[in-house]
Amino acid sequence: STDPWVRRARPMFLWMMTASIGMSLMVFPLINAATGKGLVIPEIPEAYLQLFGVGFLGYVGARTWEKTKGRN
């Protein structure tokens, strides 16, 4: 698509998922430690990780299909 919003939709989903997992693993435990609650690393739900995996594999599959069809 020539629309820049459409072209950035799939990569933006991956960046949002990566940022949210990073926040859960790095930032939130540091905030808990700074507020006196201790350095507790939260467990990321399995469904959340599966959503990321399906989204990432879907993105890679769609990009591979587009490239084999000659689209950029």
C-alpha atoms as a PDB file:
ATOM      1  CA  SER A   1       0.000   0.000   0.000  1.00  0.00           C
ATOM      2  CA  THR A   2       1.148   3.545  -0.601  1.00  0.00           C
ATOM      3  CA  ASP A   3      -0.532   4.762   2.588  1.00  0.00           C
ATOM      4  CA  PRO A   4       2.183   5.223   5.252  1.00  0.00           C
ATOM      5  CA  TRP A   5      -0.227   4.339   8.092  1.00  0.00           C
ATOM      6  CA  VAL A   6      -1.013   0.984   6.514  1.00  0.00           C
ATOM      7  CA  ARG A   7       2.652   0.191   5.860  1.00  0.00           C
ATOM      8  CA  ARG A   8       3.581   0.857   9.498  1.00  0.00           C
ATOM      9  CA  ALA A   9       0.712  -1.091  11.070  1.00  0.00           C
ATOM     10  CA  ARG A  10       2.406  -4.494  11.333  1.00  0.00           C
ATOM     11  CA  PRO A  11       5.802  -3.231  12.540  1.00  0.00           C
ATOM     12  CA  MET A  12       4.074  -0.964  15.085  1.00  0.00           C
ATOM     13  CA  PHE A  13       2.295  -3.986  16.592  1.00  0.00           C
ATOM     14  CA  LEU A  14       5.637  -5.737  17.048  1.00  0.00           C
ATOM     15  CA  TRP A  15       7.255  -2.642  18.576  1.00  0.00           C
ATOM     16  CA  MET A  16       4.349  -2.250  21.000  1.00  0.00           C
ATOM     17  CA  MET A  17       4.546  -5.900  22.067  1.00  0.00           C
ATOM     18  CA  THR A  18       8.330  -5.711  22.493  1.00  0.00           C
ATOM     19  CA  ALA A  19       8.063  -2.499  24.514  1.00  0.00           C
ATOM     20  CA  SER A  20       5.356  -3.890  26.776  1.00  0.00           C
ATOM     21  CA  ILE A  21       7.339  -7.068  27.489  1.00  0.00           C
ATOM     22  CA  GLY A  22      10.431  -4.937  28.182  1.00  0.00           C
ATOM     23  CA  MET A  23       8.459  -2.718  30.544  1.00  0.00           C
ATOM     24  CA  SER A  24       7.142  -5.777  32.379  1.00  0.00           C
ATOM     25  CA  LEU A  25      10.593  -7.300  32.783  1.00  0.00           C
ATOM     26  CA  MET A  26      12.791  -4.242  33.363  1.00  0.00           C
ATOM     27  CA  VAL A  27      10.949  -1.068  34.315  1.00  0.00           C
ATOM     28  CA  PHE A  28       8.198  -2.312  36.614  1.00  0.00           C
ATOM     29  CA  PRO A  29      10.560  -4.336  38.859  1.00  0.00           C
ATOM     30  CA  LEU A  30      12.777  -1.253  39.235  1.00  0.00           C
ATOM     31  CA  ILE A  31       9.769   0.868  40.162  1.00  0.00           C
ATOM     32  CA  ASN A  32       8.774  -1.744  42.766  1.00  0.00           C
ATOM     33  CA  ALA A  33      12.326  -1.754  44.170  1.00  0.00           C
ATOM     34  CA  ALA A  34      12.403   2.051  44.336  1.00  0.00           C
ATOM     35  CA  THR A  35       9.086   2.196  46.203  1.00  0.00           C
ATOM     36  CA  GLY A  36      10.222  -0.329  48.791  1.00  0.00           C
ATOM     37  CA  LYS A  37       8.223  -3.326  47.577  1.00  0.00           C
ATOM     38  CA  GLY A  38      11.318  -5.302  46.643  1.00  0.00           C
ATOM     39  CA  LEU A  39      12.745  -6.399  43.323  1.00  0.00           C
ATOM     40  CA  VAL A  40      10.009  -8.756  42.177  1.00  0.00           C
ATOM     41  CA  ILE A  41       9.951  -9.728  38.501  1.00  0.00           C
ATOM     42  CA  PRO A  42       6.369 -10.296  37.386  1.00  0.00           C
ATOM     43  CA  GLU A  43       5.446 -13.391  35.442  1.00  0.00           C
ATOM     44  CA  ILE A  44       4.244 -12.702  31.910  1.00  0.00           C
ATOM     45  CA  PRO A  45       1.075 -14.679  31.132  1.00  0.00           C
ATOM     46  CA  GLU A  46       1.433 -17.507  28.620  1.00  0.00           C
ATOM     47  CA  ALA A  47      -1.389 -16.139  26.459  1.00  0.00           C
ATOM     48  CA  TYR A  48       0.470 -12.837  26.170  1.00  0.00           C
ATOM     49  CA  LEU A  49       3.609 -14.561  24.911  1.00  0.00           C
ATOM     50  CA  GLN A  50       1.559 -16.657  22.491  1.00  0.00           C
ATOM     51  CA  LEU A  51      -0.037 -13.489  21.103  1.00  0.00           C
ATOM     52  CA  PHE A  52       3.418 -12.032  20.522  1.00  0.00           C
ATOM     53  CA  GLY A  53       4.602 -15.231  18.831  1.00  0.00           C
ATOM     54  CA  VAL A  54       1.585 -15.466  16.548  1.00  0.00           C
ATOM     55  CA  GLY A  55       1.874 -11.773  15.662  1.00  0.00           C
ATOM     56  CA  PHE A  56       5.574 -12.046  14.924  1.00  0.00           C
ATOM     57  CA  LEU A  57       5.191 -15.200  12.820  1.00  0.00           C
ATOM     58  CA  GLY A  58       2.258 -13.634  10.983  1.00  0.00           C
ATOM     59  CA  TYR A  59       4.314 -10.558  10.210  1.00  0.00           C
ATOM     60  CA  VAL A  60       7.253 -12.600   8.941  1.00  0.00           C
ATOM     61  CA  GLY A  61       4.964 -14.819   6.872  1.00  0.00           C
ATOM     62  CA  ALA A  62       3.147 -11.866   5.321  1.00  0.00           C
ATOM     63  CA  ARG A  63       6.401 -10.092   4.471  1.00  0.00           C
ATOM     64  CA  THR A  64       7.799 -13.276   2.907  1.00  0.00           C
ATOM     65  CA  TRP A  65       4.658 -13.696   0.837  1.00  0.00           C
ATOM     66  CA  GLU A  66       4.816 -10.049  -0.313  1.00  0.00           C
ATOM     67  CA  LYS A  67       8.451 -10.374  -1.281  1.00  0.00           C
ATOM     68  CA  THR A  68       7.869 -13.551  -3.279  1.00  0.00           C
ATOM     69  CA  LYS A  69       5.054 -11.786  -5.142  1.00  0.00           C
ATOM     70  CA  GLY A  70       7.390  -8.889  -6.025  1.00  0.00           C
ATOM     71  CA  ARG A  71       5.903  -6.275  -3.711  1.00  0.00           C
ATOM     72  CA  ASN A  72       7.975  -4.155  -1.331  1.00  0.00           C
END
